[in-house]
Amino acid sequence: MSAETVAADVRTLIVGSTGFIGRFVAEASLNSGRRTFILVRSGPVSPSTSLTITSLKDKGAIVIP
């Protein structure tokens, strides 16, 4: 089994993905080809948080509200 196949089978949940460090962790997970789920608080969000969520979704993250 290749490393790419293993990475595609791995599911990763990231809590705090809209924070400074969490954003980079989420991007690294997505760049490695892993199915990446991000846990996001429900309710109103700041414009910068909204941009981060949109950016991660565009890269393939699955948002869990």
PDB file of N, CA and C in Angstrom:
ATOM      1  N   MET A   1       0.849  -1.174   0.000  1.00  0.00           N
ATOM      2  CA  MET A   1       0.000   0.000   0.000  1.00  0.00           C
ATOM      3  C   MET A   1       0.895   1.239   0.000  1.00  0.00           C
ATOM      4  N   SER A   2       0.639   2.170  -0.905  1.00  0.00           N
ATOM      5  CA  SER A   2       1.471   3.365  -1.001  1.00  0.00           C
ATOM      6  C   SER A   2       1.104   4.384   0.076  1.00  0.00           C
ATOM      7  N   ALA A   3       2.000   5.322   0.300  1.00  0.00           N
ATOM      8  CA  ALA A   3       1.755   6.379   1.291  1.00  0.00           C
ATOM      9  C   ALA A   3       0.561   7.231   0.900  1.00  0.00           C
ATOM     10  N   GLU A   4       0.343   7.440  -0.407  1.00  0.00           N
ATOM     11  CA  GLU A   4      -0.799   8.229  -0.866  1.00  0.00           C
ATOM     12  C   GLU A   4      -2.102   7.528  -0.543  1.00  0.00           C
ATOM     13  N   THR A   5      -2.134   6.210  -0.706  1.00  0.00           N
ATOM     14  CA  THR A   5      -3.346   5.444  -0.395  1.00  0.00           C
ATOM     15  C   THR A   5      -3.639   5.503   1.091  1.00  0.00           C
ATOM     16  N   VAL A   6      -2.615   5.363   1.898  1.00  0.00           N
ATOM     17  CA  VAL A   6      -2.797   5.418   3.350  1.00  0.00           C
ATOM     18  C   VAL A   6      -3.299   6.790   3.759  1.00  0.00           C
ATOM     19  N   ALA A   7      -2.725   7.861   3.217  1.00  0.00           N
ATOM     20  CA  ALA A   7      -3.145   9.215   3.567  1.00  0.00           C
ATOM     21  C   ALA A   7      -4.596   9.456   3.187  1.00  0.00           C
ATOM     22  N   ALA A   8      -5.041   8.924   2.059  1.00  0.00           N
ATOM     23  CA  ALA A   8      -6.421   9.128   1.624  1.00  0.00           C
ATOM     24  C   ALA A   8      -7.398   8.399   2.535  1.00  0.00           C
ATOM     25  N   ASP A   9      -6.960   7.321   3.174  1.00  0.00           N
ATOM     26  CA  ASP A   9      -7.834   6.552   4.051  1.00  0.00           C
ATOM     27  C   ASP A   9      -7.908   7.123   5.466  1.00  0.00           C
ATOM     28  N   VAL A  10      -6.990   8.001   5.795  1.00  0.00           N
ATOM     29  CA  VAL A  10      -6.934   8.565   7.145  1.00  0.00           C
ATOM     30  C   VAL A  10      -7.919   9.722   7.257  1.00  0.00           C
ATOM     31  N   ARG A  11      -8.672   9.710   8.335  1.00  0.00           N
ATOM     32  CA  ARG A  11      -9.582  10.823   8.628  1.00  0.00           C
ATOM     33  C   ARG A  11      -9.012  11.605   9.795  1.00  0.00           C
ATOM     34  N   THR A  12      -9.019  12.924   9.654  1.00  0.00           N
ATOM     35  CA  THR A  12      -8.446  13.779  10.681  1.00  0.00           C
ATOM     36  C   THR A  12      -9.482  14.805  11.115  1.00  0.00           C
ATOM     37  N   LEU A  13      -9.686  14.912  12.425  1.00  0.00           N
ATOM     38  CA  LEU A  13     -10.575  15.931  12.989  1.00  0.00           C
ATOM     39  C   LEU A  13      -9.709  16.975  13.665  1.00  0.00           C
ATOM     40  N   ILE A  14      -9.923  18.220  13.289  1.00  0.00           N
ATOM     41  CA  ILE A  14      -9.153  19.310  13.881  1.00  0.00           C
ATOM     42  C   ILE A  14     -10.104  20.253  14.603  1.00  0.00           C
ATOM     43  N   VAL A  15      -9.844  20.423  15.877  1.00  0.00           N
ATOM     44  CA  VAL A  15     -10.605  21.355  16.706  1.00  0.00           C
ATOM     45  C   VAL A  15      -9.751  22.613  16.842  1.00  0.00           C
ATOM     46  N   GLY A  16     -10.326  23.759  16.594  1.00  0.00           N
ATOM     47  CA  GLY A  16      -9.578  25.005  16.679  1.00  0.00           C
ATOM     48  C   GLY A  16      -8.919  25.380  15.359  1.00  0.00           C
ATOM     49  N   SER A  17      -9.480  24.910  14.273  1.00  0.00           N
ATOM     50  CA  SER A  17      -8.870  25.130  12.954  1.00  0.00           C
ATOM     51  C   SER A  17      -8.963  26.568  12.469  1.00  0.00           C
ATOM     52  N   THR A  18      -9.746  27.404  13.132  1.00  0.00           N
ATOM     53  CA  THR A  18      -9.832  28.807  12.722  1.00  0.00           C
ATOM     54  C   THR A  18      -8.863  29.685  13.502  1.00  0.00           C
ATOM     55  N   GLY A  19      -8.137  29.092  14.429  1.00  0.00           N
ATOM     56  CA  GLY A  19      -7.130  29.829  15.190  1.00  0.00           C
ATOM     57  C   GLY A  19      -5.825  29.927  14.422  1.00  0.00           C
ATOM     58  N   PHE A  20      -4.877  30.627  15.005  1.00  0.00           N
ATOM     59  CA  PHE A  20      -3.607  30.883  14.328  1.00  0.00           C
ATOM     60  C   PHE A  20      -2.865  29.584  14.007  1.00  0.00           C
ATOM     61  N   ILE A  21      -2.654  28.737  14.990  1.00  0.00           N
ATOM     62  CA  ILE A  21      -1.926  27.482  14.775  1.00  0.00           C
ATOM     63  C   ILE A  21      -2.810  26.461  14.059  1.00  0.00           C
ATOM     64  N   GLY A  22      -4.070  26.366  14.463  1.00  0.00           N
ATOM     65  CA  GLY A  22      -4.986  25.380  13.891  1.00  0.00           C
ATOM     66  C   GLY A  22      -5.160  25.511  12.395  1.00  0.00           C
ATOM     67  N   ARG A  23      -5.132  26.727  11.898  1.00  0.00           N
ATOM     68  CA  ARG A  23      -5.271  26.947  10.457  1.00  0.00           C
ATOM     69  C   ARG A  23      -4.132  26.270   9.701  1.00  0.00           C
ATOM     70  N   PHE A  24      -2.910  26.409  10.217  1.00  0.00           N
ATOM     71  CA  PHE A  24      -1.753  25.794   9.563  1.00  0.00           C
ATOM     72  C   PHE A  24      -1.787  24.272   9.676  1.00  0.00           C
ATOM     73  N   VAL A  25      -2.263  23.772  10.803  1.00  0.00           N
ATOM     74  CA  VAL A  25      -2.404  22.324  10.977  1.00  0.00           C
ATOM     75  C   VAL A  25      -3.426  21.776   9.987  1.00  0.00           C
ATOM     76  N   ALA A  26      -4.550  22.467   9.847  1.00  0.00           N
ATOM     77  CA  ALA A  26      -5.593  22.031   8.908  1.00  0.00           C
ATOM     78  C   ALA A  26      -5.081  22.051   7.470  1.00  0.00           C
ATOM     79  N   GLU A  27      -4.367  23.107   7.104  1.00  0.00           N
ATOM     80  CA  GLU A  27      -3.826  23.189   5.750  1.00  0.00           C
ATOM     81  C   GLU A  27      -2.811  22.080   5.488  1.00  0.00           C
ATOM     82  N   ALA A  28      -1.975  21.773   6.464  1.00  0.00           N
ATOM     83  CA  ALA A  28      -0.996  20.690   6.308  1.00  0.00           C
ATOM     84  C   ALA A  28      -1.692  19.346   6.145  1.00  0.00           C
ATOM     85  N   SER A  29      -2.746  19.127   6.911  1.00  0.00           N
ATOM     86  CA  SER A  29      -3.515  17.894   6.793  1.00  0.00           C
ATOM     87  C   SER A  29      -4.139  17.772   5.405  1.00  0.00           C
ATOM     88  N   LEU A  30      -4.726  18.852   4.928  1.00  0.00           N
ATOM     89  CA  LEU A  30      -5.331  18.854   3.597  1.00  0.00           C
ATOM     90  C   LEU A  30      -4.285  18.663   2.506  1.00  0.00           C
ATOM     91  N   ASN A  31      -3.143  19.314   2.653  1.00  0.00           N
ATOM     92  CA  ASN A  31      -2.077  19.203   1.659  1.00  0.00           C
ATOM     93  C   ASN A  31      -1.491  17.790   1.596  1.00  0.00           C
ATOM     94  N   SER A  32      -1.589  17.049   2.699  1.00  0.00           N
ATOM     95  CA  SER A  32      -1.068  15.682   2.711  1.00  0.00           C
ATOM     96  C   SER A  32      -2.051  14.684   2.121  1.00  0.00           C
ATOM     97  N   GLY A  33      -3.241  15.174   1.750  1.00  0.00           N
ATOM     98  CA  GLY A  33      -4.223  14.300   1.109  1.00  0.00           C
ATOM     99  C   GLY A  33      -5.177  13.598   2.061  1.00  0.00           C
ATOM    100  N   ARG A  34      -5.156  13.968   3.312  1.00  0.00           N
ATOM    101  CA  ARG A  34      -6.052  13.343   4.297  1.00  0.00           C
ATOM    102  C   ARG A  34      -7.445  13.951   4.227  1.00  0.00           C
ATOM    103  N   ARG A  35      -8.450  13.115   4.498  1.00  0.00           N
ATOM    104  CA  ARG A  35      -9.809  13.646   4.654  1.00  0.00           C
ATOM    105  C   ARG A  35      -9.806  14.420   5.960  1.00  0.00           C
ATOM    106  N   THR A  36     -10.070  15.710   5.872  1.00  0.00           N
ATOM    107  CA  THR A  36      -9.934  16.583   7.028  1.00  0.00           C
ATOM    108  C   THR A  36     -11.279  17.174   7.410  1.00  0.00           C
ATOM    109  N   PHE A  37     -11.635  16.954   8.653  1.00  0.00           N
ATOM    110  CA  PHE A  37     -12.865  17.507   9.213  1.00  0.00           C
ATOM    111  C   PHE A  37     -12.464  18.611  10.183  1.00  0.00           C
ATOM    112  N   ILE A  38     -13.170  19.740  10.105  1.00  0.00           N
ATOM    113  CA  ILE A  38     -12.888  20.829  11.043  1.00  0.00           C
ATOM    114  C   ILE A  38     -14.147  21.116  11.857  1.00  0.00           C
ATOM    115  N   LEU A  39     -13.955  21.199  13.150  1.00  0.00           N
ATOM    116  CA  LEU A  39     -15.049  21.483  14.063  1.00  0.00           C
ATOM    117  C   LEU A  39     -15.114  22.991  14.270  1.00  0.00           C
ATOM    118  N   VAL A  40     -16.272  23.574  13.961  1.00  0.00           N
ATOM    119  CA  VAL A  40     -16.441  25.027  14.028  1.00  0.00           C
ATOM    120  C   VAL A  40     -17.615  25.346  14.945  1.00  0.00           C
ATOM    121  N   ARG A  41     -17.427  26.322  15.811  1.00  0.00           N
ATOM    122  CA  ARG A  41     -18.516  26.744  16.699  1.00  0.00           C
ATOM    123  C   ARG A  41     -19.679  27.288  15.886  1.00  0.00           C
ATOM    124  N   SER A  42     -20.878  26.979  16.339  1.00  0.00           N
ATOM    125  CA  SER A  42     -22.051  27.566  15.688  1.00  0.00           C
ATOM    126  C   SER A  42     -22.248  28.972  16.241  1.00  0.00           C
ATOM    127  N   GLY A  43     -22.971  29.769  15.497  1.00  0.00           N
ATOM    128  CA  GLY A  43     -23.222  31.140  15.930  1.00  0.00           C
ATOM    129  C   GLY A  43     -22.471  32.137  15.079  1.00  0.00           C
ATOM    130  N   PRO A  44     -22.542  33.389  15.462  1.00  0.00           N
ATOM    131  CA  PRO A  44     -21.901  34.440  14.658  1.00  0.00           C
ATOM    132  C   PRO A  44     -20.372  34.298  14.691  1.00  0.00           C
ATOM    133  N   VAL A  45     -19.747  34.591  13.551  1.00  0.00           N
ATOM    134  CA  VAL A  45     -18.288  34.541  13.461  1.00  0.00           C
ATOM    135  C   VAL A  45     -17.770  35.858  12.904  1.00  0.00           C
ATOM    136  N   SER A  46     -16.529  36.149  13.221  1.00  0.00           N
ATOM    137  CA  SER A  46     -15.917  37.378  12.712  1.00  0.00           C
ATOM    138  C   SER A  46     -15.620  37.220  11.219  1.00  0.00           C
ATOM    139  N   PRO A  47     -15.436  38.337  10.520  1.00  0.00           N
ATOM    140  CA  PRO A  47     -15.113  38.253   9.090  1.00  0.00           C
ATOM    141  C   PRO A  47     -13.839  37.447   8.808  1.00  0.00           C
ATOM    142  N   SER A  48     -12.818  37.581   9.660  1.00  0.00           N
ATOM    143  CA  SER A  48     -11.574  36.842   9.429  1.00  0.00           C
ATOM    144  C   SER A  48     -11.776  35.338   9.628  1.00  0.00           C
ATOM    145  N   THR A  49     -12.587  34.968  10.619  1.00  0.00           N
ATOM    146  CA  THR A  49     -12.893  33.557  10.844  1.00  0.00           C
ATOM    147  C   THR A  49     -13.683  32.996   9.675  1.00  0.00           C
ATOM    148  N   SER A  50     -14.609  33.778   9.172  1.00  0.00           N
ATOM    149  CA  SER A  50     -15.401  33.358   8.018  1.00  0.00           C
ATOM    150  C   SER A  50     -14.508  33.099   6.803  1.00  0.00           C
ATOM    151  N   LEU A  51     -13.525  33.978   6.590  1.00  0.00           N
ATOM    152  CA  LEU A  51     -12.588  33.793   5.481  1.00  0.00           C
ATOM    153  C   LEU A  51     -11.753  32.529   5.655  1.00  0.00           C
ATOM    154  N   THR A  52     -11.336  32.260   6.879  1.00  0.00           N
ATOM    155  CA  THR A  52     -10.551  31.052   7.149  1.00  0.00           C
ATOM    156  C   THR A  52     -11.372  29.805   6.872  1.00  0.00           C
ATOM    157  N   ILE A  53     -12.617  29.788   7.332  1.00  0.00           N
ATOM    158  CA  ILE A  53     -13.498  28.637   7.104  1.00  0.00           C
ATOM    159  C   ILE A  53     -13.710  28.427   5.609  1.00  0.00           C
ATOM    160  N   THR A  54     -13.988  29.504   4.888  1.00  0.00           N
ATOM    161  CA  THR A  54     -14.207  29.417   3.441  1.00  0.00           C
ATOM    162  C   THR A  54     -12.962  28.900   2.734  1.00  0.00           C
ATOM    163  N   SER A  55     -11.812  29.393   3.128  1.00  0.00           N
ATOM    164  CA  SER A  55     -10.556  28.956   2.521  1.00  0.00           C
ATOM    165  C   SER A  55     -10.324  27.462   2.739  1.00  0.00           C
ATOM    166  N   LEU A  56     -10.557  26.990   3.958  1.00  0.00           N
ATOM    167  CA  LEU A  56     -10.364  25.569   4.250  1.00  0.00           C
ATOM    168  C   LEU A  56     -11.384  24.707   3.510  1.00  0.00           C
ATOM    169  N   LYS A  57     -12.620  25.188   3.424  1.00  0.00           N
ATOM    170  CA  LYS A  57     -13.638  24.449   2.656  1.00  0.00           C
ATOM    171  C   LYS A  57     -13.245  24.352   1.190  1.00  0.00           C
ATOM    172  N   ASP A  58     -12.736  25.434   0.638  1.00  0.00           N
ATOM    173  CA  ASP A  58     -12.313  25.441  -0.766  1.00  0.00           C
ATOM    174  C   ASP A  58     -11.181  24.449  -1.014  1.00  0.00           C
ATOM    175  N   LYS A  59     -10.369  24.189   0.008  1.00  0.00           N
ATOM    176  CA  LYS A  59      -9.261  23.242  -0.121  1.00  0.00           C
ATOM    177  C   LYS A  59      -9.705  21.806   0.133  1.00  0.00           C
ATOM    178  N   GLY A  60     -10.977  21.627   0.525  1.00  0.00           N
ATOM    179  CA  GLY A  60     -11.504  20.275   0.696  1.00  0.00           C
ATOM    180  C   GLY A  60     -11.879  19.875   2.113  1.00  0.00           C
ATOM    181  N   ALA A  61     -11.767  20.789   3.063  1.00  0.00           N
ATOM    182  CA  ALA A  61     -12.132  20.460   4.444  1.00  0.00           C
ATOM    183  C   ALA A  61     -13.650  20.265   4.544  1.00  0.00           C
ATOM    184  N   ILE A  62     -14.036  19.374   5.416  1.00  0.00           N
ATOM    185  CA  ILE A  62     -15.445  19.122   5.694  1.00  0.00           C
ATOM    186  C   ILE A  62     -15.756  19.782   7.033  1.00  0.00           C
ATOM    187  N   VAL A  63     -16.692  20.726   7.003  1.00  0.00           N
ATOM    188  CA  VAL A  63     -17.010  21.515   8.197  1.00  0.00           C
ATOM    189  C   VAL A  63     -18.067  20.805   9.022  1.00  0.00           C
ATOM    190  N   ILE A  64     -17.797  20.672  10.309  1.00  0.00           N
ATOM    191  CA  ILE A  64     -18.767  20.133  11.256  1.00  0.00           C
ATOM    192  C   ILE A  64     -19.196  21.299  12.141  1.00  0.00           C
ATOM    193  N   PRO A  65     -20.450  21.737  12.025  1.00  0.00           N
ATOM    194  CA  PRO A  65     -20.903  22.886  12.820  1.00  0.00           C
ATOM    195  C   PRO A  65     -21.128  22.519  14.283  1.00  0.00           C
TER     196      PRO A  65
END
